[in-house]
């Protein structure tokens, strides 16, 4: 994986050769600005890039679950959140203090 805006000239040249050799093995997508959350590592608080994957349940209607799967960049400053490339994941739960009002 190459994240262009964060890559060195050498990394870009290396990937250009890889893509020329096997173009069907690569895809491109824009670099997204991911949200950050405070993370604690080795006693220090730092911003960690994340993205949230909510769960939508469908049947006769649709319902969005209170929470989902948060994909996390495990290395400081990294934008890589997918687990196959070194990211991780955490369950995310939404906790509310008050019950929802009963509907009539």
C-alpha atoms as a PDB file:
ATOM      1  CA  UNK A   1       0.000   0.000   0.000  1.00  0.00           C
ATOM      2  CA  UNK A   2       1.238   3.449  -0.880  1.00  0.00           C
ATOM      3  CA  UNK A   3      -0.269   6.624   0.534  1.00  0.00           C
ATOM      4  CA  UNK A   4       0.935   9.155  -2.023  1.00  0.00           C
ATOM      5  CA  UNK A   5       0.919  12.380   0.012  1.00  0.00           C
ATOM      6  CA  UNK A   6       2.984  10.638   2.726  1.00  0.00           C
ATOM      7  CA  UNK A   7       5.358   8.720   0.436  1.00  0.00           C
ATOM      8  CA  UNK A   8       8.962   9.498  -0.405  1.00  0.00           C
ATOM      9  CA  UNK A   9      10.160   9.941  -4.000  1.00  0.00           C
ATOM     10  CA  UNK A  10      11.821   6.521  -3.772  1.00  0.00           C
ATOM     11  CA  UNK A  11       8.602   4.837  -2.611  1.00  0.00           C
ATOM     12  CA  UNK A  12       6.643   6.479  -5.430  1.00  0.00           C
ATOM     13  CA  UNK A  13       9.221   5.370  -8.030  1.00  0.00           C
ATOM     14  CA  UNK A  14       9.191   1.819  -6.633  1.00  0.00           C
ATOM     15  CA  UNK A  15       5.399   1.625  -6.782  1.00  0.00           C
ATOM     16  CA  UNK A  16       5.346   3.096 -10.303  1.00  0.00           C
ATOM     17  CA  UNK A  17       7.505   0.165 -11.436  1.00  0.00           C
ATOM     18  CA  UNK A  18       5.315  -2.346  -9.598  1.00  0.00           C
ATOM     19  CA  UNK A  19       2.165  -0.912 -11.185  1.00  0.00           C
ATOM     20  CA  UNK A  20       3.725  -0.969 -14.675  1.00  0.00           C
ATOM     21  CA  UNK A  21       4.715  -4.618 -14.167  1.00  0.00           C
ATOM     22  CA  UNK A  22       1.279  -5.740 -12.932  1.00  0.00           C
ATOM     23  CA  UNK A  23      -1.355  -2.994 -13.322  1.00  0.00           C
ATOM     24  CA  UNK A  24      -4.318  -5.303 -12.659  1.00  0.00           C
ATOM     25  CA  UNK A  25      -3.050  -5.921  -9.129  1.00  0.00           C
ATOM     26  CA  UNK A  26      -3.477  -2.286  -8.006  1.00  0.00           C
ATOM     27  CA  UNK A  27      -6.282   0.182  -7.408  1.00  0.00           C
ATOM     28  CA  UNK A  28      -6.221   3.882  -6.603  1.00  0.00           C
ATOM     29  CA  UNK A  29      -8.432   5.898  -4.337  1.00  0.00           C
ATOM     30  CA  UNK A  30      -8.305   9.406  -2.929  1.00  0.00           C
ATOM     31  CA  UNK A  31      -6.650   9.958   0.433  1.00  0.00           C
ATOM     32  CA  UNK A  32      -9.388  10.637   2.974  1.00  0.00           C
ATOM     33  CA  UNK A  33      -9.083  12.839   6.008  1.00  0.00           C
ATOM     34  CA  UNK A  34      -9.973  10.414   8.792  1.00  0.00           C
ATOM     35  CA  UNK A  35     -11.300  11.406  12.178  1.00  0.00           C
ATOM     36  CA  UNK A  36      -9.042  11.041  15.192  1.00  0.00           C
ATOM     37  CA  UNK A  37      -9.711   9.892  18.727  1.00  0.00           C
ATOM     38  CA  UNK A  38      -7.464  10.144  21.777  1.00  0.00           C
ATOM     39  CA  UNK A  39      -5.389   6.992  22.232  1.00  0.00           C
ATOM     40  CA  UNK A  40      -3.093   5.942  25.041  1.00  0.00           C
ATOM     41  CA  UNK A  41       0.212   4.267  24.159  1.00  0.00           C
ATOM     42  CA  UNK A  42       3.230   3.823  26.420  1.00  0.00           C
ATOM     43  CA  UNK A  43       1.775   6.310  28.903  1.00  0.00           C
ATOM     44  CA  UNK A  44       1.285   9.048  26.314  1.00  0.00           C
ATOM     45  CA  UNK A  45      -1.955  10.378  24.829  1.00  0.00           C
ATOM     46  CA  UNK A  46      -1.911  10.940  21.044  1.00  0.00           C
ATOM     47  CA  UNK A  47      -4.459  11.325  18.197  1.00  0.00           C
ATOM     48  CA  UNK A  48      -5.216   8.032  16.445  1.00  0.00           C
ATOM     49  CA  UNK A  49      -6.916   7.907  13.016  1.00  0.00           C
ATOM     50  CA  UNK A  50     -10.175   5.933  12.908  1.00  0.00           C
ATOM     51  CA  UNK A  51     -13.193   5.270  10.745  1.00  0.00           C
ATOM     52  CA  UNK A  52     -16.558   3.983  11.951  1.00  0.00           C
ATOM     53  CA  UNK A  53     -18.494   1.248  10.178  1.00  0.00           C
ATOM     54  CA  UNK A  54     -22.056   1.334  11.516  1.00  0.00           C
ATOM     55  CA  UNK A  55     -24.353  -1.659  11.215  1.00  0.00           C
ATOM     56  CA  UNK A  56     -27.680  -1.230   9.429  1.00  0.00           C
ATOM     57  CA  UNK A  57     -30.206  -4.002   9.933  1.00  0.00           C
ATOM     58  CA  UNK A  58     -32.826  -4.446   7.231  1.00  0.00           C
ATOM     59  CA  UNK A  59     -36.057  -6.368   7.190  1.00  0.00           C
ATOM     60  CA  UNK A  60     -39.481  -4.826   6.729  1.00  0.00           C
ATOM     61  CA  UNK A  61     -37.783  -1.605   7.775  1.00  0.00           C
ATOM     62  CA  UNK A  62     -34.246  -0.430   8.489  1.00  0.00           C
ATOM     63  CA  UNK A  63     -32.552   0.159  11.831  1.00  0.00           C
ATOM     64  CA  UNK A  64     -29.079   1.591  12.506  1.00  0.00           C
ATOM     65  CA  UNK A  65     -27.460  -0.092  15.506  1.00  0.00           C
ATOM     66  CA  UNK A  66     -26.179   2.044  18.376  1.00  0.00           C
ATOM     67  CA  UNK A  67     -22.492   1.526  17.653  1.00  0.00           C
ATOM     68  CA  UNK A  68     -20.536  -0.430  15.116  1.00  0.00           C
ATOM     69  CA  UNK A  69     -16.996  -1.410  14.229  1.00  0.00           C
ATOM     70  CA  UNK A  70     -14.297   1.212  14.491  1.00  0.00           C
ATOM     71  CA  UNK A  71     -11.238   0.570  12.356  1.00  0.00           C
ATOM     72  CA  UNK A  72      -8.084   1.985  13.963  1.00  0.00           C
ATOM     73  CA  UNK A  73      -4.640   2.991  12.682  1.00  0.00           C
ATOM     74  CA  UNK A  74      -2.348   1.273  15.175  1.00  0.00           C
ATOM     75  CA  UNK A  75       0.817   3.218  14.348  1.00  0.00           C
ATOM     76  CA  UNK A  76       1.122   6.877  15.259  1.00  0.00           C
ATOM     77  CA  UNK A  77       0.365   9.175  12.344  1.00  0.00           C
ATOM     78  CA  UNK A  78      -0.713   6.304  10.098  1.00  0.00           C
ATOM     79  CA  UNK A  79      -3.830   6.521   7.918  1.00  0.00           C
ATOM     80  CA  UNK A  80      -3.926   2.736   7.464  1.00  0.00           C
ATOM     81  CA  UNK A  81      -6.969   1.373   9.285  1.00  0.00           C
ATOM     82  CA  UNK A  82      -7.635  -1.890   7.435  1.00  0.00           C
ATOM     83  CA  UNK A  83      -6.465  -4.961   9.337  1.00  0.00           C
ATOM     84  CA  UNK A  84      -4.835  -6.628   6.321  1.00  0.00           C
ATOM     85  CA  UNK A  85      -2.363  -3.727   6.114  1.00  0.00           C
ATOM     86  CA  UNK A  86      -1.542  -3.298   9.804  1.00  0.00           C
ATOM     87  CA  UNK A  87      -4.599  -1.556  11.214  1.00  0.00           C
ATOM     88  CA  UNK A  88      -6.855  -2.851  13.955  1.00  0.00           C
ATOM     89  CA  UNK A  89     -10.440  -2.664  15.095  1.00  0.00           C
ATOM     90  CA  UNK A  90     -12.482  -1.975  18.195  1.00  0.00           C
ATOM     91  CA  UNK A  91     -16.158  -2.368  19.032  1.00  0.00           C
ATOM     92  CA  UNK A  92     -17.942   0.941  19.407  1.00  0.00           C
ATOM     93  CA  UNK A  93     -20.994   1.290  21.615  1.00  0.00           C
ATOM     94  CA  UNK A  94     -23.249   4.292  22.055  1.00  0.00           C
ATOM     95  CA  UNK A  95     -24.361   4.659  25.660  1.00  0.00           C
ATOM     96  CA  UNK A  96     -27.280   6.883  26.538  1.00  0.00           C
ATOM     97  CA  UNK A  97     -28.365   8.064  29.948  1.00  0.00           C
ATOM     98  CA  UNK A  98     -32.098   8.329  29.311  1.00  0.00           C
ATOM     99  CA  UNK A  99     -34.453   5.721  27.847  1.00  0.00           C
ATOM    100  CA  UNK A 100     -36.252   6.591  24.627  1.00  0.00           C
ATOM    101  CA  UNK A 101     -39.838   7.812  25.109  1.00  0.00           C
ATOM    102  CA  UNK A 102     -42.526   5.236  24.407  1.00  0.00           C
ATOM    103  CA  UNK A 103     -44.336   5.740  21.123  1.00  0.00           C
ATOM    104  CA  UNK A 104     -48.147   5.737  20.892  1.00  0.00           C
END
